N, C-alpha and C. Protein backbone atom coordinates (compact mmCIF):
# COMPACT_ATOMS: atom_id res chain seq x y z
N MET A 1 0.82 -1.19 0.00
CA MET A 1 0.00 0.00 0.00
C MET A 1 0.87 1.27 0.00
N LYS A 2 1.96 1.24 0.77
CA LYS A 2 2.86 2.40 0.82
C LYS A 2 3.48 2.66 -0.55
N MET A 3 3.81 1.59 -1.25
CA MET A 3 4.42 1.73 -2.57
C MET A 3 3.43 2.37 -3.55
N ALA A 4 2.18 1.95 -3.51
CA ALA A 4 1.16 2.52 -4.39
C ALA A 4 0.97 4.01 -4.10
N LYS A 5 0.96 4.37 -2.83
CA LYS A 5 0.81 5.77 -2.44
C LYS A 5 2.00 6.59 -2.94
N PHE A 6 3.21 6.04 -2.79
CA PHE A 6 4.42 6.71 -3.28
C PHE A 6 4.33 6.96 -4.78
N ILE A 7 3.95 5.95 -5.53
CA ILE A 7 3.85 6.08 -7.00
C ILE A 7 2.81 7.12 -7.36
N ASP A 8 1.68 7.13 -6.64
CA ASP A 8 0.64 8.11 -6.92
C ASP A 8 1.11 9.53 -6.62
N GLU A 9 1.84 9.71 -5.53
CA GLU A 9 2.29 11.05 -5.13
C GLU A 9 3.48 11.55 -5.96
N LYS A 10 4.45 10.71 -6.21
CA LYS A 10 5.69 11.13 -6.88
C LYS A 10 5.64 11.01 -8.40
N LYS A 11 4.68 10.30 -8.90
CA LYS A 11 4.41 10.19 -10.35
C LYS A 11 5.50 9.53 -11.20
N PRO A 12 6.22 8.53 -10.67
CA PRO A 12 7.16 7.85 -11.57
C PRO A 12 6.48 6.71 -12.34
N HIS A 13 5.12 6.73 -12.35
CA HIS A 13 4.36 5.61 -12.91
C HIS A 13 4.59 5.36 -14.40
N LYS A 14 5.11 6.34 -15.12
CA LYS A 14 5.39 6.14 -16.55
C LYS A 14 6.74 5.48 -16.77
N SER A 15 7.45 5.24 -15.71
CA SER A 15 8.80 4.67 -15.80
C SER A 15 8.77 3.18 -15.47
N GLN A 16 9.58 2.41 -16.17
CA GLN A 16 9.75 0.98 -15.86
C GLN A 16 10.29 0.81 -14.44
N ALA A 17 10.99 1.81 -13.93
CA ALA A 17 11.53 1.73 -12.57
C ALA A 17 10.42 1.55 -11.54
N ALA A 18 9.26 2.18 -11.75
CA ALA A 18 8.15 2.04 -10.81
C ALA A 18 7.68 0.59 -10.75
N GLN A 19 7.50 -0.03 -11.92
CA GLN A 19 7.06 -1.43 -11.95
C GLN A 19 8.12 -2.33 -11.32
N SER A 20 9.38 -2.07 -11.63
CA SER A 20 10.46 -2.86 -11.04
C SER A 20 10.46 -2.73 -9.52
N GLY A 21 10.22 -1.52 -9.02
CA GLY A 21 10.15 -1.30 -7.58
C GLY A 21 9.01 -2.07 -6.93
N VAL A 22 7.86 -2.11 -7.60
CA VAL A 22 6.73 -2.88 -7.10
C VAL A 22 7.12 -4.35 -6.98
N TRP A 23 7.79 -4.88 -8.00
CA TRP A 23 8.20 -6.30 -7.97
C TRP A 23 9.23 -6.58 -6.88
N VAL A 24 10.07 -5.62 -6.57
CA VAL A 24 11.02 -5.81 -5.47
C VAL A 24 10.25 -5.95 -4.16
N VAL A 25 9.25 -5.09 -3.96
CA VAL A 25 8.47 -5.11 -2.73
C VAL A 25 7.54 -6.32 -2.68
N SER A 26 6.83 -6.60 -3.77
CA SER A 26 5.80 -7.65 -3.75
C SER A 26 6.33 -9.05 -4.00
N ASP A 27 7.34 -9.19 -4.85
CA ASP A 27 7.80 -10.52 -5.26
C ASP A 27 9.20 -10.86 -4.77
N GLY A 28 9.85 -9.91 -4.11
CA GLY A 28 11.20 -10.18 -3.62
C GLY A 28 12.28 -10.15 -4.69
N ASN A 29 12.00 -9.48 -5.81
CA ASN A 29 13.04 -9.35 -6.84
C ASN A 29 14.23 -8.59 -6.27
N PRO A 30 15.40 -8.76 -6.86
CA PRO A 30 16.59 -8.06 -6.34
C PRO A 30 16.47 -6.54 -6.44
N MET A 31 16.97 -5.86 -5.43
CA MET A 31 16.99 -4.39 -5.44
C MET A 31 17.72 -3.87 -6.68
N GLU A 32 18.72 -4.62 -7.14
CA GLU A 32 19.53 -4.22 -8.30
C GLU A 32 18.74 -4.26 -9.60
N SER A 33 17.52 -4.82 -9.56
CA SER A 33 16.70 -4.90 -10.79
C SER A 33 15.90 -3.63 -11.05
N ILE A 34 15.87 -2.70 -10.11
CA ILE A 34 15.13 -1.45 -10.32
C ILE A 34 15.92 -0.59 -11.30
N TYR A 35 15.37 -0.41 -12.49
CA TYR A 35 16.08 0.41 -13.47
C TYR A 35 15.19 0.72 -14.66
N ASP A 36 15.34 1.92 -15.17
CA ASP A 36 14.73 2.33 -16.43
C ASP A 36 15.82 3.09 -17.18
N TYR A 37 16.30 2.50 -18.26
CA TYR A 37 17.43 3.08 -19.00
C TYR A 37 17.10 4.44 -19.60
N SER A 38 15.83 4.72 -19.80
CA SER A 38 15.44 6.00 -20.39
C SER A 38 15.07 7.04 -19.33
N ASP A 39 15.06 6.65 -18.06
CA ASP A 39 14.65 7.59 -17.01
C ASP A 39 15.46 7.34 -15.73
N THR A 40 16.67 7.86 -15.69
CA THR A 40 17.53 7.64 -14.53
C THR A 40 17.06 8.41 -13.30
N VAL A 41 16.32 9.50 -13.50
CA VAL A 41 15.79 10.27 -12.36
C VAL A 41 14.76 9.42 -11.62
N ALA A 42 13.83 8.84 -12.36
CA ALA A 42 12.82 7.97 -11.75
C ALA A 42 13.48 6.74 -11.12
N THR A 43 14.50 6.22 -11.77
CA THR A 43 15.21 5.06 -11.22
C THR A 43 15.76 5.39 -9.85
N ARG A 44 16.43 6.51 -9.72
CA ARG A 44 17.01 6.90 -8.42
C ARG A 44 15.92 7.14 -7.38
N LEU A 45 14.86 7.84 -7.76
CA LEU A 45 13.76 8.14 -6.86
C LEU A 45 13.12 6.86 -6.32
N VAL A 46 12.81 5.94 -7.21
CA VAL A 46 12.18 4.68 -6.81
C VAL A 46 13.14 3.83 -5.98
N THR A 47 14.38 3.74 -6.40
CA THR A 47 15.36 2.93 -5.66
C THR A 47 15.54 3.46 -4.24
N GLU A 48 15.69 4.77 -4.10
CA GLU A 48 15.85 5.35 -2.76
C GLU A 48 14.64 5.05 -1.88
N TYR A 49 13.43 5.17 -2.46
CA TYR A 49 12.22 4.92 -1.68
C TYR A 49 12.15 3.45 -1.25
N VAL A 50 12.37 2.54 -2.18
CA VAL A 50 12.27 1.11 -1.87
C VAL A 50 13.35 0.71 -0.85
N CYS A 51 14.54 1.24 -0.98
CA CYS A 51 15.60 0.96 0.00
C CYS A 51 15.17 1.40 1.40
N LYS A 52 14.61 2.59 1.49
CA LYS A 52 14.14 3.10 2.77
C LYS A 52 12.99 2.24 3.30
N LEU A 53 12.04 1.91 2.44
CA LEU A 53 10.88 1.11 2.82
C LEU A 53 11.31 -0.26 3.36
N LEU A 54 12.27 -0.88 2.72
CA LEU A 54 12.71 -2.23 3.09
C LEU A 54 13.93 -2.23 4.02
N ASN A 55 14.40 -1.02 4.37
CA ASN A 55 15.58 -0.88 5.23
C ASN A 55 16.79 -1.63 4.67
N LYS A 56 17.07 -1.37 3.39
CA LYS A 56 18.20 -1.99 2.70
C LYS A 56 19.10 -0.90 2.13
N PRO A 57 20.38 -1.20 1.95
CA PRO A 57 21.30 -0.20 1.38
C PRO A 57 21.05 0.00 -0.11
N MET A 58 21.47 1.14 -0.60
CA MET A 58 21.40 1.41 -2.04
C MET A 58 22.30 0.42 -2.77
N PRO A 59 21.82 -0.14 -3.86
CA PRO A 59 22.66 -1.07 -4.62
C PRO A 59 23.81 -0.33 -5.30
N ASN A 60 24.94 -1.01 -5.45
CA ASN A 60 26.09 -0.38 -6.11
C ASN A 60 26.28 -0.89 -7.53
N TYR A 61 25.30 -1.64 -8.03
CA TYR A 61 25.29 -2.06 -9.43
C TYR A 61 23.84 -2.34 -9.82
N ARG A 62 23.61 -2.48 -11.09
CA ARG A 62 22.28 -2.76 -11.64
C ARG A 62 22.33 -4.05 -12.45
N ILE A 63 21.19 -4.72 -12.51
CA ILE A 63 21.06 -5.92 -13.33
C ILE A 63 20.05 -5.64 -14.43
N ARG A 64 20.44 -5.92 -15.65
CA ARG A 64 19.52 -5.81 -16.79
C ARG A 64 19.06 -7.22 -17.13
N TYR A 65 17.77 -7.37 -17.41
CA TYR A 65 17.19 -8.68 -17.69
C TYR A 65 16.73 -8.78 -19.13
N ALA A 66 16.70 -10.00 -19.64
CA ALA A 66 16.21 -10.25 -21.00
C ALA A 66 14.72 -9.97 -21.06
N ALA A 67 14.27 -9.48 -22.20
CA ALA A 67 12.84 -9.29 -22.42
C ALA A 67 12.21 -10.67 -22.63
N ASP A 68 10.98 -10.81 -22.18
CA ASP A 68 10.27 -12.08 -22.33
C ASP A 68 8.84 -11.77 -22.73
N SER A 69 8.45 -12.24 -23.89
CA SER A 69 7.10 -11.94 -24.39
C SER A 69 6.02 -12.73 -23.64
N LEU A 70 6.40 -13.75 -22.89
CA LEU A 70 5.42 -14.58 -22.19
C LEU A 70 5.21 -14.19 -20.73
N SER A 71 6.12 -13.39 -20.18
CA SER A 71 5.94 -12.95 -18.79
C SER A 71 6.47 -11.54 -18.63
N ALA A 72 6.04 -10.90 -17.56
CA ALA A 72 6.44 -9.51 -17.33
C ALA A 72 7.89 -9.40 -16.86
N PHE A 73 8.40 -10.47 -16.23
CA PHE A 73 9.77 -10.44 -15.71
C PHE A 73 10.43 -11.76 -16.04
N SER A 74 11.52 -11.72 -16.80
CA SER A 74 12.14 -12.96 -17.28
C SER A 74 13.02 -13.67 -16.26
N ASN A 75 13.58 -12.93 -15.30
CA ASN A 75 14.54 -13.46 -14.34
C ASN A 75 15.78 -14.04 -15.03
N GLN A 76 16.05 -13.60 -16.25
CA GLN A 76 17.24 -14.01 -16.99
C GLN A 76 18.16 -12.81 -17.14
N PRO A 77 19.13 -12.66 -16.23
CA PRO A 77 20.02 -11.51 -16.31
C PRO A 77 20.87 -11.55 -17.57
N THR A 78 21.03 -10.39 -18.19
CA THR A 78 21.87 -10.31 -19.39
C THR A 78 23.12 -9.47 -19.15
N HIS A 79 23.00 -8.43 -18.33
CA HIS A 79 24.14 -7.53 -18.07
C HIS A 79 24.10 -7.02 -16.63
N ILE A 80 25.28 -6.76 -16.10
CA ILE A 80 25.38 -5.97 -14.87
C ILE A 80 26.13 -4.71 -15.24
N GLU A 81 25.82 -3.65 -14.55
CA GLU A 81 26.54 -2.40 -14.80
C GLU A 81 26.61 -1.61 -13.51
N GLY A 82 27.64 -0.83 -13.40
CA GLY A 82 27.81 -0.02 -12.20
C GLY A 82 29.03 0.87 -12.31
N LYS A 83 29.37 1.46 -11.20
CA LYS A 83 30.55 2.32 -11.12
C LYS A 83 31.32 1.93 -9.87
N LEU A 84 32.60 1.73 -10.05
CA LEU A 84 33.49 1.35 -8.96
C LEU A 84 34.46 2.49 -8.71
N THR A 85 34.51 2.96 -7.48
CA THR A 85 35.46 4.00 -7.09
C THR A 85 36.53 3.35 -6.21
N TYR A 86 37.78 3.65 -6.52
CA TYR A 86 38.87 3.11 -5.71
C TYR A 86 39.99 4.13 -5.64
N TYR A 87 40.83 3.99 -4.63
CA TYR A 87 41.91 4.93 -4.38
C TYR A 87 43.24 4.20 -4.38
N VAL A 88 44.22 4.80 -5.04
CA VAL A 88 45.58 4.27 -5.08
C VAL A 88 46.49 5.30 -4.42
N PRO A 89 47.09 4.98 -3.26
CA PRO A 89 47.88 5.97 -2.53
C PRO A 89 49.25 6.29 -3.14
N ASN A 90 49.83 5.32 -3.84
CA ASN A 90 51.17 5.49 -4.42
C ASN A 90 51.16 4.92 -5.84
N THR A 91 52.16 5.22 -6.62
CA THR A 91 52.29 4.58 -7.92
C THR A 91 52.31 3.07 -7.68
N SER A 92 51.38 2.37 -8.32
CA SER A 92 51.17 0.95 -8.02
C SER A 92 50.76 0.19 -9.26
N VAL A 93 50.72 -1.12 -9.12
CA VAL A 93 50.20 -2.00 -10.17
C VAL A 93 48.81 -2.43 -9.73
N VAL A 94 47.81 -2.20 -10.60
CA VAL A 94 46.41 -2.46 -10.25
C VAL A 94 45.83 -3.55 -11.15
N THR A 95 45.06 -4.43 -10.52
CA THR A 95 44.31 -5.46 -11.23
C THR A 95 42.86 -5.36 -10.78
N ILE A 96 41.94 -5.33 -11.75
CA ILE A 96 40.51 -5.31 -11.45
C ILE A 96 39.87 -6.40 -12.29
N ALA A 97 39.11 -7.28 -11.63
CA ALA A 97 38.48 -8.39 -12.34
C ALA A 97 37.24 -8.85 -11.59
N ILE A 98 36.39 -9.60 -12.29
CA ILE A 98 35.26 -10.28 -11.68
C ILE A 98 35.62 -11.76 -11.56
N TYR A 99 35.40 -12.29 -10.36
CA TYR A 99 35.74 -13.68 -10.05
C TYR A 99 34.48 -14.46 -9.71
N ASP A 100 34.48 -15.76 -10.03
CA ASP A 100 33.37 -16.60 -9.61
C ASP A 100 33.61 -17.07 -8.17
N LYS A 101 32.71 -17.89 -7.65
CA LYS A 101 32.81 -18.33 -6.25
C LYS A 101 34.05 -19.18 -5.98
N ASN A 102 34.65 -19.74 -7.03
CA ASN A 102 35.85 -20.55 -6.88
C ASN A 102 37.14 -19.76 -7.07
N GLY A 103 37.01 -18.44 -7.30
CA GLY A 103 38.19 -17.60 -7.48
C GLY A 103 38.71 -17.53 -8.90
N LYS A 104 37.96 -18.09 -9.85
CA LYS A 104 38.35 -18.05 -11.26
C LYS A 104 37.91 -16.72 -11.87
N VAL A 105 38.79 -16.09 -12.63
CA VAL A 105 38.46 -14.83 -13.29
C VAL A 105 37.48 -15.10 -14.43
N VAL A 106 36.36 -14.35 -14.43
CA VAL A 106 35.40 -14.46 -15.54
C VAL A 106 35.43 -13.21 -16.42
N LYS A 107 36.03 -12.12 -15.92
CA LYS A 107 36.15 -10.89 -16.70
C LYS A 107 37.27 -10.03 -16.13
N TRP A 108 38.21 -9.66 -17.00
CA TRP A 108 39.28 -8.72 -16.63
C TRP A 108 38.87 -7.31 -17.05
N PHE A 109 39.08 -6.34 -16.16
CA PHE A 109 38.94 -4.94 -16.52
C PHE A 109 40.31 -4.28 -16.63
N MET A 110 41.21 -4.65 -15.73
CA MET A 110 42.61 -4.20 -15.76
C MET A 110 43.45 -5.36 -15.25
N LYS A 111 44.54 -5.62 -15.93
CA LYS A 111 45.41 -6.72 -15.49
C LYS A 111 46.83 -6.18 -15.33
N GLU A 112 47.22 -6.02 -14.06
CA GLU A 112 48.56 -5.58 -13.70
C GLU A 112 48.98 -4.32 -14.45
N GLN A 113 48.12 -3.31 -14.38
CA GLN A 113 48.38 -2.02 -15.03
C GLN A 113 49.04 -1.06 -14.05
N PRO A 114 50.14 -0.43 -14.44
CA PRO A 114 50.72 0.60 -13.57
C PRO A 114 49.83 1.85 -13.57
N VAL A 115 49.57 2.38 -12.38
CA VAL A 115 48.75 3.59 -12.26
C VAL A 115 49.41 4.56 -11.28
N ASN A 116 49.14 5.82 -11.49
CA ASN A 116 49.64 6.87 -10.61
C ASN A 116 48.72 7.00 -9.40
N PRO A 117 49.20 7.64 -8.34
CA PRO A 117 48.35 7.85 -7.16
C PRO A 117 47.11 8.66 -7.53
N GLY A 118 46.00 8.37 -6.84
CA GLY A 118 44.78 9.14 -7.03
C GLY A 118 43.53 8.31 -6.85
N GLU A 119 42.40 8.99 -6.98
CA GLU A 119 41.10 8.33 -6.91
C GLU A 119 40.65 8.04 -8.33
N TYR A 120 40.12 6.86 -8.54
CA TYR A 120 39.70 6.43 -9.87
C TYR A 120 38.25 5.97 -9.83
N ASN A 121 37.55 6.18 -10.94
CA ASN A 121 36.18 5.69 -11.12
C ASN A 121 36.16 4.82 -12.37
N LEU A 122 35.72 3.60 -12.20
CA LEU A 122 35.60 2.67 -13.31
C LEU A 122 34.12 2.41 -13.55
N GLY A 123 33.59 2.92 -14.67
CA GLY A 123 32.24 2.56 -15.08
C GLY A 123 32.34 1.23 -15.81
N TYR A 124 31.49 0.29 -15.45
CA TYR A 124 31.59 -1.02 -16.08
C TYR A 124 30.22 -1.53 -16.51
N GLU A 125 30.24 -2.34 -17.55
CA GLU A 125 29.09 -3.09 -18.02
C GLU A 125 29.63 -4.44 -18.46
N PHE A 126 28.94 -5.49 -18.08
CA PHE A 126 29.45 -6.83 -18.30
C PHE A 126 28.31 -7.76 -18.68
N ASN A 127 28.47 -8.48 -19.78
CA ASN A 127 27.48 -9.45 -20.24
C ASN A 127 27.56 -10.69 -19.36
N VAL A 128 26.46 -11.03 -18.70
CA VAL A 128 26.42 -12.19 -17.81
C VAL A 128 25.48 -13.27 -18.31
N SER A 129 24.99 -13.12 -19.53
CA SER A 129 23.97 -14.05 -20.04
C SER A 129 24.45 -15.49 -20.14
N THR A 130 25.75 -15.71 -20.26
CA THR A 130 26.26 -17.08 -20.39
C THR A 130 26.77 -17.64 -19.06
N LEU A 131 26.72 -16.86 -18.01
CA LEU A 131 27.21 -17.31 -16.71
C LEU A 131 26.07 -17.90 -15.87
N PRO A 132 26.37 -18.92 -15.06
CA PRO A 132 25.34 -19.45 -14.18
C PRO A 132 24.96 -18.42 -13.11
N HIS A 133 23.70 -18.48 -12.67
CA HIS A 133 23.26 -17.61 -11.58
C HIS A 133 24.11 -17.90 -10.35
N GLY A 134 24.36 -16.89 -9.56
CA GLY A 134 25.12 -17.08 -8.34
C GLY A 134 25.85 -15.83 -7.91
N LYS A 135 26.78 -16.02 -6.98
CA LYS A 135 27.57 -14.90 -6.46
C LYS A 135 28.89 -14.80 -7.21
N TYR A 136 29.25 -13.55 -7.48
CA TYR A 136 30.52 -13.22 -8.12
C TYR A 136 31.11 -12.06 -7.34
N TYR A 137 32.39 -11.79 -7.57
CA TYR A 137 33.07 -10.76 -6.80
C TYR A 137 33.89 -9.87 -7.72
N LEU A 138 33.63 -8.57 -7.64
CA LEU A 138 34.43 -7.57 -8.35
C LEU A 138 35.52 -7.15 -7.38
N ARG A 139 36.77 -7.43 -7.75
CA ARG A 139 37.88 -7.19 -6.83
C ARG A 139 38.90 -6.23 -7.42
N VAL A 140 39.40 -5.36 -6.55
CA VAL A 140 40.49 -4.44 -6.89
C VAL A 140 41.70 -4.88 -6.08
N ARG A 141 42.78 -5.18 -6.78
CA ARG A 141 44.05 -5.53 -6.13
C ARG A 141 45.07 -4.45 -6.48
N VAL A 142 45.74 -3.95 -5.45
CA VAL A 142 46.79 -2.95 -5.63
C VAL A 142 48.09 -3.58 -5.14
N ASP A 143 49.04 -3.68 -6.04
CA ASP A 143 50.32 -4.36 -5.74
C ASP A 143 50.08 -5.74 -5.14
N GLY A 144 49.08 -6.44 -5.67
CA GLY A 144 48.78 -7.81 -5.26
C GLY A 144 47.87 -7.94 -4.06
N ALA A 145 47.67 -6.88 -3.29
CA ALA A 145 46.84 -6.94 -2.09
C ALA A 145 45.40 -6.55 -2.42
N LEU A 146 44.44 -7.31 -1.88
CA LEU A 146 43.03 -7.00 -2.09
C LEU A 146 42.69 -5.71 -1.36
N LYS A 147 42.23 -4.69 -2.11
CA LYS A 147 41.90 -3.39 -1.52
C LYS A 147 40.40 -3.13 -1.49
N LYS A 148 39.67 -3.76 -2.42
CA LYS A 148 38.23 -3.53 -2.45
C LYS A 148 37.56 -4.74 -3.08
N GLU A 149 36.38 -5.09 -2.53
CA GLU A 149 35.62 -6.20 -3.09
C GLU A 149 34.14 -5.85 -3.05
N VAL A 150 33.46 -6.07 -4.16
CA VAL A 150 32.03 -5.85 -4.26
C VAL A 150 31.39 -7.18 -4.64
N GLU A 151 30.44 -7.63 -3.82
CA GLU A 151 29.74 -8.87 -4.14
C GLU A 151 28.65 -8.57 -5.16
N LEU A 152 28.61 -9.37 -6.20
CA LEU A 152 27.59 -9.26 -7.25
C LEU A 152 26.78 -10.55 -7.23
N GLN A 153 25.47 -10.43 -7.28
CA GLN A 153 24.64 -11.64 -7.33
C GLN A 153 23.61 -11.48 -8.42
N PHE A 154 23.59 -12.45 -9.31
CA PHE A 154 22.62 -12.43 -10.41
C PHE A 154 22.26 -13.85 -10.78
């Protein structure tokens, strides 16, 4: 009921994000599934509301799903996308990759690249349509040491 009132008051009802938000609340779909590629303002508004309603943190990545003519939600992830911010204190060698639950690399973003000190933002998009559902890990290694890890589940 709260979700319906929110949609009525804030008017994101023309956005796919509103429907995705309803499915997160009613069907338990992943928070990362709230997205409308043509309306990022509505996406943020709906995501913030649903996170507050369910007392969950804001997602740090999004999941895009395949279209399905037979159902409203396919549950077949095709892509993940997000932005990763990391800091390198000294000139270092950086590796960024996505790993499966067994530690095998499924996608390299940077492999042992020398970088200067500073804060970096990596926007990423990754096709996951051929990977089995499950947990994966986006890891940043600086001079071989794990500095940041983001759990991805799709």
